[in-house]
């Protein structure tokens, strides 16, 4: 379950991405175009400490980009290269926002979603002390036939399209442009969203 706050972020997530995305070699879009949200989904952190959100965004008439993010209340050791930026959350205070491909909490959640079918987190807003369910903006389908592997440290990351994440127990591939490129080996995570009713590959997992 993801408990969301009706809060103000300065800068906003989209403002952070508008500054960060053009510096990625896999980014495709016109210079200076606004970054808009197309859809998104969240995973649970079993420890409840890290926010995990994947945003599908587009800049101008460019393609849909998949950008997994993690939100932390303190810097992640050794992850400076994956820092998207910092923001001030009106309820939670300062938040460090990372490209989640460099965050082991995301790797574990993605592996569980693909291999064990844990799916996306249910989202709730708290309004006047009452929790209200928010309908997901997209659907996910994972393999779901195996136990979730224990994922520890990330051993390597190749920042490309796809982004490749290597751990001791699973190899993950995150497509920066969903559905683009050739089909890959492994168990897929598929997603569909408004305007894209046919599920497209979002990521793949190969147990080691």
N, C-alpha and C. Protein backbone atom coordinates (compact mmCIF):
# COMPACT_ATOMS: atom_id res chain seq x y z
N UNK A 1 0.84 -1.19 0.00
CA UNK A 1 0.00 0.00 0.00
C UNK A 1 0.88 1.24 0.00
N UNK A 2 0.51 2.22 -0.80
CA UNK A 2 1.20 3.51 -0.83
C UNK A 2 0.25 4.57 -0.28
N UNK A 3 0.64 5.17 0.84
CA UNK A 3 -0.16 6.24 1.43
C UNK A 3 0.40 7.57 0.95
N UNK A 4 -0.41 8.29 0.17
CA UNK A 4 0.03 9.53 -0.46
C UNK A 4 -0.48 10.73 0.32
N UNK A 5 0.27 11.80 0.29
CA UNK A 5 -0.09 13.02 0.99
C UNK A 5 -0.51 14.09 -0.02
N UNK A 6 -1.56 14.80 0.31
CA UNK A 6 -1.91 15.97 -0.50
C UNK A 6 -0.98 17.10 -0.06
N UNK A 7 0.12 17.19 -0.77
CA UNK A 7 1.18 18.08 -0.33
C UNK A 7 1.73 18.85 -1.52
N UNK A 8 2.51 19.86 -1.20
CA UNK A 8 3.16 20.66 -2.23
C UNK A 8 4.63 20.27 -2.30
N UNK A 9 5.15 20.15 -3.53
CA UNK A 9 6.55 19.85 -3.75
C UNK A 9 7.21 21.03 -4.45
N UNK A 10 8.36 21.45 -3.93
CA UNK A 10 9.13 22.53 -4.56
C UNK A 10 10.58 22.11 -4.70
N UNK A 11 11.07 21.92 -5.93
CA UNK A 11 10.34 21.90 -7.20
C UNK A 11 9.48 20.65 -7.32
N UNK A 12 8.58 20.65 -8.29
CA UNK A 12 7.73 19.48 -8.51
C UNK A 12 8.54 18.37 -9.18
N UNK A 13 7.96 17.17 -9.20
CA UNK A 13 8.63 16.05 -9.87
C UNK A 13 8.86 16.35 -11.35
N UNK A 14 7.85 16.91 -12.01
CA UNK A 14 7.99 17.19 -13.43
C UNK A 14 9.03 18.27 -13.68
N UNK A 15 9.14 19.23 -12.79
CA UNK A 15 10.18 20.25 -12.92
C UNK A 15 11.57 19.62 -12.77
N UNK A 16 11.71 18.69 -11.83
CA UNK A 16 12.98 17.99 -11.68
C UNK A 16 13.32 17.23 -12.96
N UNK A 17 12.32 16.53 -13.52
CA UNK A 17 12.57 15.72 -14.71
C UNK A 17 12.86 16.60 -15.93
N UNK A 18 12.21 17.76 -16.01
CA UNK A 18 12.45 18.66 -17.14
C UNK A 18 13.90 19.13 -17.16
N UNK A 19 14.52 19.25 -15.99
CA UNK A 19 15.92 19.66 -15.92
C UNK A 19 16.88 18.48 -16.10
N UNK A 20 16.45 17.30 -15.67
CA UNK A 20 17.34 16.13 -15.65
C UNK A 20 17.30 15.33 -16.95
N UNK A 21 16.13 15.13 -17.53
CA UNK A 21 16.00 14.25 -18.68
C UNK A 21 16.85 14.66 -19.88
N UNK A 22 16.91 15.94 -20.25
CA UNK A 22 17.69 16.30 -21.45
C UNK A 22 19.16 15.91 -21.37
N UNK A 23 19.67 15.67 -20.17
CA UNK A 23 21.05 15.25 -20.03
C UNK A 23 21.26 13.76 -20.18
N UNK A 24 20.18 12.99 -20.36
CA UNK A 24 20.30 11.53 -20.54
C UNK A 24 20.46 11.24 -22.04
N UNK A 25 21.39 10.38 -22.38
CA UNK A 25 21.64 10.11 -23.81
C UNK A 25 20.48 9.37 -24.46
N UNK A 26 19.59 8.76 -23.67
CA UNK A 26 18.44 8.04 -24.22
C UNK A 26 17.19 8.93 -24.31
N UNK A 27 17.31 10.18 -23.91
CA UNK A 27 16.16 11.08 -23.96
C UNK A 27 15.86 11.46 -25.41
N UNK A 28 14.57 11.50 -25.73
CA UNK A 28 14.12 11.90 -27.05
C UNK A 28 12.98 12.91 -26.91
N UNK A 29 13.18 14.10 -27.41
CA UNK A 29 12.15 15.13 -27.33
C UNK A 29 12.72 16.47 -27.75
N UNK A 30 11.86 17.40 -28.12
CA UNK A 30 12.35 18.72 -28.53
C UNK A 30 12.93 19.49 -27.36
N UNK A 31 13.95 20.26 -27.62
CA UNK A 31 14.61 21.05 -26.59
C UNK A 31 13.63 22.06 -26.00
N UNK A 32 13.62 22.14 -24.68
CA UNK A 32 12.80 23.13 -24.00
C UNK A 32 11.33 22.78 -23.87
N UNK A 33 10.92 21.61 -24.37
CA UNK A 33 9.51 21.24 -24.28
C UNK A 33 9.13 20.87 -22.85
N UNK A 34 7.89 21.16 -22.47
CA UNK A 34 7.40 20.77 -21.15
C UNK A 34 7.35 19.25 -21.05
N UNK A 35 7.65 18.74 -19.89
CA UNK A 35 7.52 17.31 -19.61
C UNK A 35 6.16 17.08 -18.96
N UNK A 36 5.36 16.19 -19.53
CA UNK A 36 4.02 15.92 -19.03
C UNK A 36 3.91 14.46 -18.61
N UNK A 37 3.10 14.22 -17.61
CA UNK A 37 2.88 12.87 -17.11
C UNK A 37 1.84 12.17 -17.97
N UNK A 38 2.13 10.94 -18.38
CA UNK A 38 1.21 10.12 -19.16
C UNK A 38 0.48 9.13 -18.26
N UNK A 39 1.21 8.47 -17.38
CA UNK A 39 0.66 7.48 -16.44
C UNK A 39 1.76 7.16 -15.44
N UNK A 40 1.48 6.22 -14.54
CA UNK A 40 2.49 5.84 -13.58
C UNK A 40 2.02 4.71 -12.68
N UNK A 41 2.96 4.16 -11.93
CA UNK A 41 2.64 3.09 -10.99
C UNK A 41 3.67 3.11 -9.86
N UNK A 42 3.30 2.49 -8.75
CA UNK A 42 4.15 2.47 -7.57
C UNK A 42 4.36 1.04 -7.09
N UNK A 43 5.48 0.84 -6.41
CA UNK A 43 5.76 -0.41 -5.71
C UNK A 43 5.85 -0.11 -4.22
N UNK A 44 5.66 -1.17 -3.41
CA UNK A 44 5.82 -1.06 -1.97
C UNK A 44 7.27 -1.32 -1.57
N UNK A 45 7.77 -0.55 -0.64
CA UNK A 45 8.99 -0.88 0.08
C UNK A 45 8.56 -1.60 1.35
N UNK A 46 8.89 -2.90 1.53
CA UNK A 46 8.46 -3.62 2.72
C UNK A 46 8.84 -2.93 4.02
N UNK A 47 9.95 -2.19 4.00
CA UNK A 47 10.39 -1.48 5.21
C UNK A 47 9.65 -0.17 5.42
N UNK A 48 8.93 0.28 4.41
CA UNK A 48 8.16 1.51 4.52
C UNK A 48 8.99 2.78 4.56
N UNK A 49 10.26 2.69 4.16
CA UNK A 49 11.15 3.85 4.29
C UNK A 49 11.35 4.60 2.98
N UNK A 50 11.23 3.91 1.85
CA UNK A 50 11.56 4.50 0.55
C UNK A 50 10.31 4.53 -0.33
N UNK A 51 10.04 5.68 -0.91
CA UNK A 51 8.97 5.77 -1.89
C UNK A 51 9.47 5.30 -3.24
N UNK A 52 8.67 4.50 -3.93
CA UNK A 52 9.07 3.93 -5.22
C UNK A 52 7.97 4.24 -6.23
N UNK A 53 8.26 5.08 -7.19
CA UNK A 53 7.27 5.46 -8.20
C UNK A 53 7.92 5.43 -9.58
N UNK A 54 7.22 4.83 -10.54
CA UNK A 54 7.66 4.88 -11.92
C UNK A 54 6.71 5.79 -12.68
N UNK A 55 7.27 6.78 -13.34
CA UNK A 55 6.48 7.73 -14.11
C UNK A 55 6.69 7.49 -15.60
N UNK A 56 5.60 7.50 -16.35
CA UNK A 56 5.66 7.53 -17.81
C UNK A 56 5.41 8.96 -18.22
N UNK A 57 6.37 9.54 -18.92
CA UNK A 57 6.30 10.96 -19.26
C UNK A 57 6.64 11.14 -20.74
N UNK A 58 6.27 12.31 -21.24
CA UNK A 58 6.57 12.66 -22.63
C UNK A 58 6.96 14.14 -22.67
N UNK A 59 7.90 14.47 -23.54
CA UNK A 59 8.28 15.86 -23.77
C UNK A 59 7.85 16.24 -25.18
N UNK A 60 6.95 17.19 -25.30
CA UNK A 60 6.49 17.61 -26.61
C UNK A 60 5.90 16.46 -27.38
N UNK A 61 6.32 16.30 -28.64
CA UNK A 61 5.82 15.22 -29.48
C UNK A 61 6.76 14.01 -29.47
N UNK A 62 7.63 13.94 -28.47
CA UNK A 62 8.54 12.81 -28.35
C UNK A 62 7.85 11.56 -27.85
N UNK A 63 8.57 10.44 -27.78
CA UNK A 63 7.99 9.19 -27.32
C UNK A 63 7.77 9.18 -25.81
N UNK A 64 7.05 8.18 -25.34
CA UNK A 64 6.86 7.98 -23.91
C UNK A 64 8.16 7.45 -23.31
N UNK A 65 8.58 8.06 -22.22
CA UNK A 65 9.76 7.63 -21.48
C UNK A 65 9.31 7.01 -20.15
N UNK A 66 9.96 5.92 -19.76
CA UNK A 66 9.72 5.31 -18.45
C UNK A 66 10.83 5.73 -17.50
N UNK A 67 10.45 6.39 -16.41
CA UNK A 67 11.44 6.92 -15.47
C UNK A 67 11.09 6.41 -14.07
N UNK A 68 11.76 5.36 -13.59
CA UNK A 68 11.55 4.91 -12.21
C UNK A 68 12.30 5.83 -11.24
N UNK A 69 11.63 6.20 -10.16
CA UNK A 69 12.20 7.11 -9.17
C UNK A 69 12.07 6.51 -7.77
N UNK A 70 13.02 6.82 -6.92
CA UNK A 70 12.87 6.54 -5.49
C UNK A 70 13.00 7.85 -4.73
N UNK A 71 12.27 7.92 -3.62
CA UNK A 71 12.24 9.11 -2.77
C UNK A 71 12.74 8.72 -1.39
N UNK A 72 13.76 9.42 -0.92
CA UNK A 72 14.38 9.10 0.36
C UNK A 72 14.47 10.34 1.23
N UNK A 73 14.51 10.13 2.55
CA UNK A 73 14.60 11.25 3.48
C UNK A 73 16.04 11.59 3.84
N UNK A 74 16.99 10.90 3.21
CA UNK A 74 18.42 11.18 3.41
C UNK A 74 19.15 10.68 2.17
N UNK A 75 20.34 11.18 1.90
CA UNK A 75 21.08 10.72 0.72
C UNK A 75 21.38 9.23 0.79
N UNK A 76 21.38 8.58 -0.38
CA UNK A 76 21.75 7.17 -0.49
C UNK A 76 23.25 7.09 -0.73
N UNK A 77 23.96 6.40 0.15
CA UNK A 77 25.41 6.30 0.05
C UNK A 77 25.84 5.74 -1.31
N UNK A 78 26.80 6.40 -1.92
CA UNK A 78 27.38 5.91 -3.16
C UNK A 78 26.51 6.07 -4.39
N UNK A 79 25.43 6.86 -4.29
CA UNK A 79 24.49 6.96 -5.41
C UNK A 79 24.43 8.37 -6.00
N UNK A 80 25.49 9.14 -5.84
CA UNK A 80 25.46 10.51 -6.35
C UNK A 80 25.19 10.56 -7.86
N UNK A 81 25.69 9.56 -8.59
CA UNK A 81 25.51 9.56 -10.04
C UNK A 81 24.04 9.34 -10.44
N UNK A 82 23.23 8.88 -9.51
CA UNK A 82 21.83 8.57 -9.80
C UNK A 82 20.87 9.60 -9.23
N UNK A 83 21.42 10.65 -8.63
CA UNK A 83 20.57 11.68 -8.04
C UNK A 83 19.92 12.53 -9.13
N UNK A 84 18.58 12.56 -9.13
CA UNK A 84 17.85 13.43 -10.05
C UNK A 84 17.80 14.85 -9.50
N UNK A 85 17.61 14.96 -8.18
CA UNK A 85 17.57 16.26 -7.53
C UNK A 85 16.94 16.15 -6.16
N UNK A 86 16.81 17.26 -5.49
CA UNK A 86 16.16 17.29 -4.18
C UNK A 86 14.93 18.19 -4.27
N UNK A 87 13.97 17.89 -3.42
CA UNK A 87 12.74 18.66 -3.39
C UNK A 87 12.27 18.81 -1.95
N UNK A 88 11.49 19.83 -1.70
CA UNK A 88 10.94 20.07 -0.36
C UNK A 88 9.48 19.67 -0.37
N UNK A 89 9.16 18.66 0.43
CA UNK A 89 7.81 18.13 0.56
C UNK A 89 7.15 18.83 1.74
N UNK A 90 5.97 19.42 1.53
CA UNK A 90 5.36 20.25 2.57
C UNK A 90 4.94 19.45 3.80
N UNK A 91 4.86 18.12 3.67
CA UNK A 91 4.51 17.27 4.82
C UNK A 91 5.73 16.52 5.34
N UNK A 92 6.51 15.94 4.44
CA UNK A 92 7.61 15.05 4.83
C UNK A 92 8.96 15.75 4.94
N UNK A 93 9.05 16.98 4.46
CA UNK A 93 10.33 17.69 4.52
C UNK A 93 11.18 17.41 3.30
N UNK A 94 12.50 17.60 3.41
CA UNK A 94 13.38 17.42 2.24
C UNK A 94 13.39 15.96 1.78
N UNK A 95 13.38 15.80 0.44
CA UNK A 95 13.40 14.46 -0.15
C UNK A 95 14.49 14.42 -1.22
N UNK A 96 15.26 13.33 -1.21
CA UNK A 96 16.27 13.09 -2.23
C UNK A 96 15.65 12.16 -3.26
N UNK A 97 15.64 12.61 -4.51
CA UNK A 97 14.97 11.89 -5.60
C UNK A 97 16.04 11.25 -6.49
N UNK A 98 15.96 9.93 -6.65
CA UNK A 98 16.97 9.18 -7.41
C UNK A 98 16.36 8.50 -8.63
N UNK A 99 17.16 8.40 -9.68
CA UNK A 99 16.86 7.45 -10.75
C UNK A 99 16.94 6.07 -10.10
N UNK A 100 15.79 5.39 -10.03
CA UNK A 100 15.71 4.18 -9.22
C UNK A 100 16.55 3.03 -9.75
N UNK A 101 17.04 3.13 -10.97
CA UNK A 101 17.87 2.05 -11.49
C UNK A 101 19.15 1.88 -10.68
N UNK A 102 19.53 2.89 -9.92
CA UNK A 102 20.70 2.79 -9.07
C UNK A 102 20.37 2.54 -7.61
N UNK A 103 19.12 2.19 -7.31
CA UNK A 103 18.67 2.03 -5.91
C UNK A 103 18.30 0.57 -5.66
N UNK A 104 18.95 -0.10 -4.70
CA UNK A 104 18.67 -1.52 -4.46
C UNK A 104 17.25 -1.80 -3.99
N UNK A 105 16.59 -0.84 -3.35
CA UNK A 105 15.21 -1.05 -2.92
C UNK A 105 14.30 -1.20 -4.14
N UNK A 106 14.55 -0.40 -5.17
CA UNK A 106 13.78 -0.53 -6.40
C UNK A 106 14.06 -1.86 -7.08
N UNK A 107 15.32 -2.27 -7.15
CA UNK A 107 15.67 -3.53 -7.80
C UNK A 107 14.92 -4.69 -7.16
N UNK A 108 14.85 -4.71 -5.83
CA UNK A 108 14.14 -5.78 -5.14
C UNK A 108 12.64 -5.74 -5.44
N UNK A 109 12.07 -4.55 -5.46
CA UNK A 109 10.63 -4.42 -5.72
C UNK A 109 10.30 -4.80 -7.16
N UNK A 110 11.14 -4.41 -8.10
CA UNK A 110 10.89 -4.76 -9.50
C UNK A 110 11.01 -6.26 -9.71
N UNK A 111 12.02 -6.88 -9.13
CA UNK A 111 12.17 -8.33 -9.25
C UNK A 111 10.96 -9.06 -8.68
N UNK A 112 10.45 -8.60 -7.55
CA UNK A 112 9.27 -9.23 -6.96
C UNK A 112 8.04 -9.06 -7.83
N UNK A 113 7.89 -7.87 -8.43
CA UNK A 113 6.72 -7.63 -9.29
C UNK A 113 6.75 -8.53 -10.51
N UNK A 114 7.93 -8.74 -11.09
CA UNK A 114 8.03 -9.54 -12.30
C UNK A 114 7.96 -11.03 -11.99
N UNK A 115 8.77 -11.50 -11.06
CA UNK A 115 8.92 -12.93 -10.84
C UNK A 115 7.89 -13.52 -9.89
N UNK A 116 7.42 -12.73 -8.94
CA UNK A 116 6.44 -13.24 -7.97
C UNK A 116 5.06 -12.63 -8.16
N UNK A 117 4.92 -11.74 -9.13
CA UNK A 117 3.60 -11.18 -9.42
C UNK A 117 3.03 -10.34 -8.30
N UNK A 118 3.88 -9.64 -7.55
CA UNK A 118 3.38 -8.83 -6.44
C UNK A 118 2.59 -7.62 -6.93
N UNK A 119 2.82 -7.21 -8.18
CA UNK A 119 2.03 -6.14 -8.76
C UNK A 119 2.36 -4.77 -8.19
N UNK A 120 1.53 -3.81 -8.57
CA UNK A 120 1.76 -2.44 -8.12
C UNK A 120 1.07 -2.21 -6.78
N UNK A 121 1.56 -1.21 -6.06
CA UNK A 121 0.99 -0.87 -4.76
C UNK A 121 -0.37 -0.20 -4.93
N UNK A 122 -1.30 -0.54 -4.06
CA UNK A 122 -2.55 0.20 -4.01
C UNK A 122 -2.27 1.58 -3.42
N UNK A 123 -2.90 2.59 -4.00
CA UNK A 123 -2.63 3.97 -3.60
C UNK A 123 -3.83 4.54 -2.84
N UNK A 124 -3.52 5.21 -1.72
CA UNK A 124 -4.54 5.83 -0.90
C UNK A 124 -4.14 7.26 -0.57
N UNK A 125 -5.11 8.15 -0.54
CA UNK A 125 -4.94 9.48 0.01
C UNK A 125 -5.61 9.52 1.37
N UNK A 126 -5.02 10.26 2.28
CA UNK A 126 -5.66 10.46 3.58
C UNK A 126 -6.31 11.83 3.59
N UNK A 127 -7.63 11.85 3.74
CA UNK A 127 -8.41 13.07 3.72
C UNK A 127 -9.22 13.15 5.00
N UNK A 128 -8.94 14.17 5.83
CA UNK A 128 -9.65 14.35 7.10
C UNK A 128 -9.63 13.08 7.94
N UNK A 129 -8.47 12.43 7.99
CA UNK A 129 -8.31 11.24 8.80
C UNK A 129 -8.87 9.97 8.18
N UNK A 130 -9.40 10.06 6.96
CA UNK A 130 -9.98 8.91 6.29
C UNK A 130 -9.17 8.57 5.04
N UNK A 131 -8.89 7.28 4.86
CA UNK A 131 -8.12 6.85 3.70
C UNK A 131 -9.06 6.60 2.52
N UNK A 132 -8.71 7.21 1.39
CA UNK A 132 -9.52 7.08 0.19
C UNK A 132 -8.68 6.47 -0.93
N UNK A 133 -9.22 5.44 -1.55
CA UNK A 133 -8.51 4.70 -2.60
C UNK A 133 -8.44 5.51 -3.88
N UNK A 134 -7.29 5.47 -4.55
CA UNK A 134 -7.12 6.13 -5.84
C UNK A 134 -6.95 5.06 -6.91
N UNK A 135 -7.77 5.13 -7.94
CA UNK A 135 -7.70 4.18 -9.03
C UNK A 135 -6.33 4.29 -9.72
N UNK A 136 -5.73 3.14 -10.09
CA UNK A 136 -4.44 3.20 -10.79
C UNK A 136 -4.61 3.80 -12.17
N UNK A 137 -3.55 4.46 -12.64
CA UNK A 137 -3.60 5.07 -13.97
C UNK A 137 -3.13 4.11 -15.06
N UNK A 138 -2.66 2.91 -14.66
CA UNK A 138 -2.27 1.90 -15.64
C UNK A 138 -2.34 0.53 -15.00
N UNK A 139 -2.31 -0.51 -15.82
CA UNK A 139 -2.34 -1.88 -15.33
C UNK A 139 -0.99 -2.54 -15.59
N UNK A 140 -0.60 -3.44 -14.67
CA UNK A 140 0.65 -4.18 -14.80
C UNK A 140 0.35 -5.67 -14.80
N UNK A 141 1.16 -6.42 -15.56
CA UNK A 141 1.09 -7.88 -15.56
C UNK A 141 2.50 -8.42 -15.48
N UNK A 142 2.76 -9.23 -14.43
CA UNK A 142 4.08 -9.86 -14.28
C UNK A 142 3.97 -11.36 -14.45
N UNK A 143 5.12 -12.05 -14.38
CA UNK A 143 5.13 -13.50 -14.55
C UNK A 143 4.40 -14.20 -13.42
N UNK A 144 4.85 -13.93 -12.19
CA UNK A 144 4.14 -14.40 -11.01
C UNK A 144 4.18 -15.87 -10.73
N UNK A 145 5.15 -16.60 -11.25
CA UNK A 145 5.18 -18.05 -11.06
C UNK A 145 6.24 -18.51 -10.07
N UNK A 146 7.03 -17.60 -9.54
CA UNK A 146 8.14 -17.99 -8.67
C UNK A 146 8.13 -17.16 -7.40
N UNK A 147 8.93 -17.59 -6.43
CA UNK A 147 9.12 -16.78 -5.23
C UNK A 147 9.99 -15.57 -5.57
N UNK A 148 9.74 -14.48 -4.86
CA UNK A 148 10.57 -13.30 -5.07
C UNK A 148 11.99 -13.58 -4.60
N UNK A 149 12.99 -13.30 -5.43
CA UNK A 149 14.36 -13.53 -5.00
C UNK A 149 14.79 -12.52 -3.95
N UNK A 150 15.77 -12.91 -3.14
CA UNK A 150 16.36 -11.97 -2.22
C UNK A 150 17.38 -11.14 -2.98
N UNK A 151 17.13 -9.85 -3.06
CA UNK A 151 18.01 -8.96 -3.82
C UNK A 151 18.76 -8.08 -2.84
N UNK A 152 20.05 -8.18 -2.85
CA UNK A 152 20.88 -7.36 -1.97
C UNK A 152 21.46 -6.18 -2.70
N UNK A 153 22.78 -6.11 -2.69
CA UNK A 153 23.47 -4.98 -3.31
C UNK A 153 23.38 -5.06 -4.84
N UNK A 154 23.36 -3.91 -5.46
CA UNK A 154 23.49 -3.83 -6.92
C UNK A 154 24.97 -3.93 -7.27
N UNK A 155 25.29 -4.86 -8.17
CA UNK A 155 26.69 -5.07 -8.55
C UNK A 155 27.12 -4.19 -9.72
N UNK A 156 26.18 -3.90 -10.63
CA UNK A 156 26.52 -3.05 -11.76
C UNK A 156 25.24 -2.49 -12.34
N UNK A 157 25.36 -1.33 -12.97
CA UNK A 157 24.25 -0.72 -13.69
C UNK A 157 24.81 -0.15 -14.99
N UNK A 158 24.14 -0.44 -16.09
CA UNK A 158 24.47 0.15 -17.37
C UNK A 158 23.33 1.09 -17.72
N UNK A 159 23.61 2.38 -17.74
CA UNK A 159 22.57 3.38 -17.98
C UNK A 159 22.35 3.54 -19.47
N UNK A 160 21.37 2.86 -19.99
CA UNK A 160 21.07 2.94 -21.41
C UNK A 160 19.60 2.65 -21.62
N UNK A 161 19.25 2.28 -22.83
CA UNK A 161 17.89 1.85 -23.13
C UNK A 161 17.98 0.48 -23.79
N UNK A 162 17.78 -0.58 -22.99
CA UNK A 162 17.31 -0.55 -21.61
C UNK A 162 18.43 -0.25 -20.61
N UNK A 163 18.01 0.14 -19.40
CA UNK A 163 18.94 0.22 -18.28
C UNK A 163 19.11 -1.20 -17.74
N UNK A 164 20.34 -1.64 -17.57
CA UNK A 164 20.63 -3.00 -17.11
C UNK A 164 21.10 -2.96 -15.66
N UNK A 165 20.46 -3.73 -14.81
CA UNK A 165 20.75 -3.76 -13.37
C UNK A 165 21.17 -5.17 -13.01
N UNK A 166 22.39 -5.34 -12.53
CA UNK A 166 22.90 -6.65 -12.17
C UNK A 166 23.02 -6.82 -10.67
N UNK A 167 22.47 -7.90 -10.13
CA UNK A 167 22.62 -8.25 -8.71
C UNK A 167 23.09 -9.70 -8.62
N UNK A 168 23.30 -10.18 -7.40
CA UNK A 168 23.76 -11.55 -7.22
C UNK A 168 22.69 -12.57 -7.59
N UNK A 169 21.41 -12.20 -7.58
CA UNK A 169 20.34 -13.17 -7.76
C UNK A 169 19.48 -12.95 -9.00
N UNK A 170 19.56 -11.77 -9.60
CA UNK A 170 18.69 -11.49 -10.75
C UNK A 170 19.32 -10.40 -11.61
N UNK A 171 19.09 -10.52 -12.92
CA UNK A 171 19.46 -9.48 -13.86
C UNK A 171 18.18 -8.81 -14.34
N UNK A 172 18.15 -7.49 -14.30
CA UNK A 172 16.95 -6.73 -14.66
C UNK A 172 17.25 -5.81 -15.83
N UNK A 173 16.26 -5.64 -16.69
CA UNK A 173 16.36 -4.70 -17.80
C UNK A 173 15.14 -3.80 -17.76
N UNK A 174 15.34 -2.50 -17.69
CA UNK A 174 14.26 -1.52 -17.61
C UNK A 174 14.23 -0.74 -18.92
N UNK A 175 13.14 -0.85 -19.65
CA UNK A 175 13.03 -0.17 -20.93
C UNK A 175 12.73 1.30 -20.71
N UNK A 176 13.59 2.15 -21.20
CA UNK A 176 13.37 3.60 -21.08
C UNK A 176 12.24 4.05 -22.00
N UNK A 177 12.05 3.34 -23.12
CA UNK A 177 10.95 3.63 -24.05
C UNK A 177 10.12 2.35 -24.14
N UNK A 178 9.02 2.26 -23.39
CA UNK A 178 8.24 1.01 -23.33
C UNK A 178 7.84 0.51 -24.70
N UNK A 179 8.08 -0.77 -24.91
CA UNK A 179 7.68 -1.40 -26.15
C UNK A 179 8.64 -1.22 -27.29
N UNK A 180 9.66 -0.39 -27.13
CA UNK A 180 10.60 -0.12 -28.22
C UNK A 180 11.70 -1.19 -28.23
N UNK A 181 12.23 -1.44 -29.41
CA UNK A 181 13.34 -2.37 -29.53
C UNK A 181 12.87 -3.81 -29.61
N UNK A 182 13.85 -4.70 -29.74
CA UNK A 182 13.57 -6.12 -29.89
C UNK A 182 13.18 -6.74 -28.55
N UNK A 183 12.41 -7.82 -28.62
CA UNK A 183 12.05 -8.56 -27.42
C UNK A 183 13.31 -9.13 -26.79
N UNK A 184 13.37 -9.12 -25.46
CA UNK A 184 14.54 -9.58 -24.73
C UNK A 184 14.25 -10.91 -24.05
N UNK A 185 15.32 -11.61 -23.69
CA UNK A 185 15.18 -12.83 -22.92
C UNK A 185 14.75 -12.49 -21.50
N UNK A 186 14.03 -13.41 -20.87
CA UNK A 186 13.62 -13.21 -19.49
C UNK A 186 12.11 -13.12 -19.34
N UNK A 187 11.69 -12.97 -18.10
CA UNK A 187 10.28 -12.83 -17.77
C UNK A 187 9.91 -11.35 -17.87
N UNK A 188 8.86 -11.01 -18.61
CA UNK A 188 8.55 -9.59 -18.80
C UNK A 188 7.58 -9.04 -17.76
N UNK A 189 7.66 -7.73 -17.55
CA UNK A 189 6.62 -6.96 -16.89
C UNK A 189 5.94 -6.16 -17.98
N UNK A 190 4.62 -6.32 -18.12
CA UNK A 190 3.86 -5.65 -19.16
C UNK A 190 3.00 -4.56 -18.56
N UNK A 191 2.77 -3.50 -19.31
CA UNK A 191 1.93 -2.40 -18.83
C UNK A 191 1.05 -1.86 -19.93
N UNK A 192 -0.14 -1.40 -19.54
CA UNK A 192 -1.07 -0.73 -20.44
C UNK A 192 -1.61 0.50 -19.74
N UNK A 193 -1.94 1.52 -20.51
CA UNK A 193 -2.42 2.77 -19.93
C UNK A 193 -3.36 3.45 -20.92
N UNK A 194 -4.09 4.47 -20.52
CA UNK A 194 -5.01 5.15 -21.44
C UNK A 194 -4.28 5.60 -22.71
N UNK A 195 -4.85 5.25 -23.85
CA UNK A 195 -4.19 5.54 -25.12
C UNK A 195 -3.28 4.43 -25.59
N UNK A 196 -2.96 3.48 -24.70
CA UNK A 196 -2.14 2.33 -25.04
C UNK A 196 -2.79 1.08 -24.44
N UNK A 197 -3.92 0.61 -25.02
CA UNK A 197 -4.65 -0.51 -24.42
C UNK A 197 -3.95 -1.85 -24.58
N UNK A 198 -3.08 -1.99 -25.59
CA UNK A 198 -2.33 -3.23 -25.77
C UNK A 198 -1.11 -3.21 -24.85
N UNK A 199 -0.98 -4.18 -23.94
CA UNK A 199 0.16 -4.16 -23.01
C UNK A 199 1.50 -4.19 -23.75
N UNK A 200 2.42 -3.37 -23.27
CA UNK A 200 3.77 -3.30 -23.82
C UNK A 200 4.78 -3.72 -22.77
N UNK A 201 5.92 -4.28 -23.19
CA UNK A 201 6.96 -4.62 -22.21
C UNK A 201 7.53 -3.35 -21.55
N UNK A 202 7.65 -3.42 -20.24
CA UNK A 202 8.25 -2.34 -19.46
C UNK A 202 9.62 -2.75 -18.92
N UNK A 203 9.77 -4.03 -18.57
CA UNK A 203 11.01 -4.50 -17.96
C UNK A 203 11.07 -6.02 -18.10
N UNK A 204 12.27 -6.56 -17.88
CA UNK A 204 12.49 -8.01 -17.93
C UNK A 204 13.35 -8.41 -16.73
N UNK A 205 13.16 -9.66 -16.29
CA UNK A 205 13.98 -10.20 -15.21
C UNK A 205 14.48 -11.59 -15.61
N UNK A 206 15.74 -11.85 -15.31
CA UNK A 206 16.34 -13.16 -15.54
C UNK A 206 16.98 -13.61 -14.22
N UNK A 207 16.41 -14.63 -13.54
CA UNK A 207 17.04 -15.10 -12.30
C UNK A 207 18.40 -15.70 -12.59
N UNK A 208 19.31 -15.56 -11.63
CA UNK A 208 20.66 -16.11 -11.80
C UNK A 208 20.80 -17.41 -11.01
